Amino acid sequence: MLKETPDGNMLVRNITGGIVVPVLTNYVASAMESASYKMLDDNSYYGEIKECPGVWANESTLEECRSVLQEVLEEWLLFKLRDHDPLPLIKGINLNKVVTEA
């Protein structure tokens, strides 16, 4: 069951314990935890989330790279949800099921 909080987060009830968790927040945080980063020859930083094709960033500092990568991920999610495209399972979070039940 989906529920929206006053601050706009989407929540879902956990069937086993009735616990409410912020689904999108956890999905984004889990995806960001799985991101990989490397320094390129020009001393810029490249980051990507391999589970999410096309989600990458290239910035002059690691902090900027992480920030831009999260922004790209969030925009990518919005387009995927709008177009009803399947989303990758990330650390056990299946947004496809949540969207289907909405």
C-alpha atoms as a PDB file:
ATOM      1  CA  MET A   1       0.000   0.000   0.000  1.00  0.00           C
ATOM      2  CA  LEU A   2       1.425   3.378  -1.003  1.00  0.00           C
ATOM      3  CA  LYS A   3       1.099   6.461   1.128  1.00  0.00           C
ATOM      4  CA  GLU A   4       2.420   9.998   0.650  1.00  0.00           C
ATOM      5  CA  THR A   5       3.920  11.868   3.604  1.00  0.00           C
ATOM      6  CA  PRO A   6       3.400  15.621   4.164  1.00  0.00           C
ATOM      7  CA  ASP A   7       6.914  16.258   2.783  1.00  0.00           C
ATOM      8  CA  GLY A   8       6.102  14.416  -0.466  1.00  0.00           C
ATOM      9  CA  ASN A   9       7.977  11.138   0.161  1.00  0.00           C
ATOM     10  CA  MET A  10       6.310   7.997  -1.065  1.00  0.00           C
ATOM     11  CA  LEU A  11       6.047   5.257   1.551  1.00  0.00           C
ATOM     12  CA  VAL A  12       5.121   1.601   1.326  1.00  0.00           C
ATOM     13  CA  ARG A  13       3.962  -0.706   4.076  1.00  0.00           C
ATOM     14  CA  ASN A  14       6.142  -3.729   4.748  1.00  0.00           C
ATOM     15  CA  ILE A  15       3.864  -6.787   4.618  1.00  0.00           C
ATOM     16  CA  THR A  16       5.705  -8.640   7.385  1.00  0.00           C
ATOM     17  CA  GLY A  17       5.738  -5.968  10.046  1.00  0.00           C
ATOM     18  CA  GLY A  18       3.530  -3.117   8.950  1.00  0.00           C
ATOM     19  CA  ILE A  19       6.597  -0.856   8.957  1.00  0.00           C
ATOM     20  CA  VAL A  20       6.514   2.170   6.669  1.00  0.00           C
ATOM     21  CA  VAL A  21       9.702   2.936   4.735  1.00  0.00           C
ATOM     22  CA  PRO A  22      10.481   5.764   2.284  1.00  0.00           C
ATOM     23  CA  VAL A  23      10.769   3.760  -0.933  1.00  0.00           C
ATOM     24  CA  LEU A  24      12.223   6.338  -3.333  1.00  0.00           C
ATOM     25  CA  THR A  25      14.643   7.701  -0.734  1.00  0.00           C
ATOM     26  CA  ASN A  26      15.926   4.194   0.016  1.00  0.00           C
ATOM     27  CA  TYR A  27      16.157   3.334  -3.689  1.00  0.00           C
ATOM     28  CA  VAL A  28      18.226   6.441  -4.463  1.00  0.00           C
ATOM     29  CA  ALA A  29      20.443   5.941  -1.396  1.00  0.00           C
ATOM     30  CA  SER A  30      21.027   2.284  -2.285  1.00  0.00           C
ATOM     31  CA  ALA A  31      21.848   3.144  -5.887  1.00  0.00           C
ATOM     32  CA  MET A  32      24.284   5.833  -4.746  1.00  0.00           C
ATOM     33  CA  GLU A  33      25.973   3.315  -2.423  1.00  0.00           C
ATOM     34  CA  SER A  34      26.569   1.044  -5.414  1.00  0.00           C
ATOM     35  CA  ALA A  35      28.081   3.861  -7.526  1.00  0.00           C
ATOM     36  CA  SER A  36      31.679   3.518  -8.634  1.00  0.00           C
ATOM     37  CA  TYR A  37      34.091   6.391  -9.138  1.00  0.00           C
ATOM     38  CA  LYS A  38      37.477   6.806 -10.771  1.00  0.00           C
ATOM     39  CA  MET A  39      39.881   9.630 -11.428  1.00  0.00           C
ATOM     40  CA  LEU A  40      40.551  10.209 -15.115  1.00  0.00           C
ATOM     41  CA  ASP A  41      43.814  11.257 -16.767  1.00  0.00           C
ATOM     42  CA  ASP A  42      42.713  14.910 -16.709  1.00  0.00           C
ATOM     43  CA  ASN A  43      42.268  14.666 -12.889  1.00  0.00           C
ATOM     44  CA  SER A  44      38.472  14.882 -13.157  1.00  0.00           C
ATOM     45  CA  TYR A  45      36.214  12.302 -11.526  1.00  0.00           C
ATOM     46  CA  TYR A  46      33.916   9.934 -13.367  1.00  0.00           C
ATOM     47  CA  GLY A  47      31.084   8.184 -11.524  1.00  0.00           C
ATOM     48  CA  GLU A  48      28.475   5.735 -12.701  1.00  0.00           C
ATOM     49  CA  ILE A  49      25.770   3.436 -11.423  1.00  0.00           C
ATOM     50  CA  LYS A  50      26.125   0.290 -13.524  1.00  0.00           C
ATOM     51  CA  GLU A  51      22.646  -1.000 -12.647  1.00  0.00           C
ATOM     52  CA  CYS A  52      21.163   2.155 -14.197  1.00  0.00           C
ATOM     53  CA  PRO A  53      22.270   2.444 -17.831  1.00  0.00           C
ATOM     54  CA  GLY A  54      23.096   6.010 -18.819  1.00  0.00           C
ATOM     55  CA  VAL A  55      23.460   7.280 -15.245  1.00  0.00           C
ATOM     56  CA  TRP A  56      26.930   8.815 -15.044  1.00  0.00           C
ATOM     57  CA  ALA A  57      28.680  12.067 -14.197  1.00  0.00           C
ATOM     58  CA  ASN A  58      32.073  13.638 -14.858  1.00  0.00           C
ATOM     59  CA  GLU A  59      33.131  16.570 -12.663  1.00  0.00           C
ATOM     60  CA  SER A  60      36.284  18.269 -11.402  1.00  0.00           C
ATOM     61  CA  THR A  61      35.923  17.086  -7.779  1.00  0.00           C
ATOM     62  CA  LEU A  62      34.631  13.894  -6.207  1.00  0.00           C
ATOM     63  CA  GLU A  63      32.027  15.858  -4.203  1.00  0.00           C
ATOM     64  CA  GLU A  64      30.693  17.518  -7.361  1.00  0.00           C
ATOM     65  CA  CYS A  65      30.692  14.168  -9.143  1.00  0.00           C
ATOM     66  CA  ARG A  66      28.613  12.546  -6.384  1.00  0.00           C
ATOM     67  CA  SER A  67      26.177  15.455  -6.316  1.00  0.00           C
ATOM     68  CA  VAL A  68      25.679  15.515 -10.082  1.00  0.00           C
ATOM     69  CA  LEU A  69      25.436  11.720 -10.208  1.00  0.00           C
ATOM     70  CA  GLN A  70      22.561  11.765  -7.719  1.00  0.00           C
ATOM     71  CA  GLU A  71      20.824  14.499  -9.720  1.00  0.00           C
ATOM     72  CA  VAL A  72      21.220  12.453 -12.918  1.00  0.00           C
ATOM     73  CA  LEU A  73      19.868   9.357 -11.130  1.00  0.00           C
ATOM     74  CA  GLU A  74      16.808  11.233  -9.879  1.00  0.00           C
ATOM     75  CA  GLU A  75      16.054  12.637 -13.342  1.00  0.00           C
ATOM     76  CA  TRP A  76      16.600   9.191 -14.885  1.00  0.00           C
ATOM     77  CA  LEU A  77      14.110   7.722 -12.388  1.00  0.00           C
ATOM     78  CA  LEU A  78      11.501  10.361 -13.225  1.00  0.00           C
ATOM     79  CA  PHE A  79      11.738   9.568 -16.946  1.00  0.00           C
ATOM     80  CA  LYS A  80      11.636   5.811 -16.320  1.00  0.00           C
ATOM     81  CA  LEU A  81       8.562   6.142 -14.087  1.00  0.00           C
ATOM     82  CA  ARG A  82       6.831   8.515 -16.517  1.00  0.00           C
ATOM     83  CA  ASP A  83       7.423   6.142 -19.441  1.00  0.00           C
ATOM     84  CA  HIS A  84       6.565   3.010 -17.406  1.00  0.00           C
ATOM     85  CA  ASP A  85       9.984   1.568 -18.255  1.00  0.00           C
ATOM     86  CA  PRO A  86      11.224  -1.281 -16.070  1.00  0.00           C
ATOM     87  CA  LEU A  87      13.588  -0.242 -13.287  1.00  0.00           C
ATOM     88  CA  PRO A  88      16.506  -2.335 -12.040  1.00  0.00           C
ATOM     89  CA  LEU A  89      16.258  -4.106  -8.716  1.00  0.00           C
ATOM     90  CA  ILE A  90      18.716  -2.365  -6.384  1.00  0.00           C
ATOM     91  CA  LYS A  91      19.644  -3.975  -3.063  1.00  0.00           C
ATOM     92  CA  GLY A  92      16.309  -5.742  -2.861  1.00  0.00           C
ATOM     93  CA  ILE A  93      14.196  -2.671  -3.651  1.00  0.00           C
ATOM     94  CA  ASN A  94      11.807  -3.347  -6.513  1.00  0.00           C
ATOM     95  CA  LEU A  95      10.188  -0.105  -7.639  1.00  0.00           C
ATOM     96  CA  ASN A  96       8.436  -1.964 -10.470  1.00  0.00           C
ATOM     97  CA  LYS A  97       6.244  -3.743  -7.928  1.00  0.00           C
ATOM     98  CA  VAL A  98       5.560  -0.540  -5.990  1.00  0.00           C
ATOM     99  CA  VAL A  99       4.541   1.339  -9.159  1.00  0.00           C
ATOM    100  CA  THR A 100       2.319  -1.535 -10.312  1.00  0.00           C
ATOM    101  CA  GLU A 101       0.492  -1.576  -6.978  1.00  0.00           C
ATOM    102  CA  ALA A 102      -0.100   2.191  -6.960  1.00  0.00           C
END
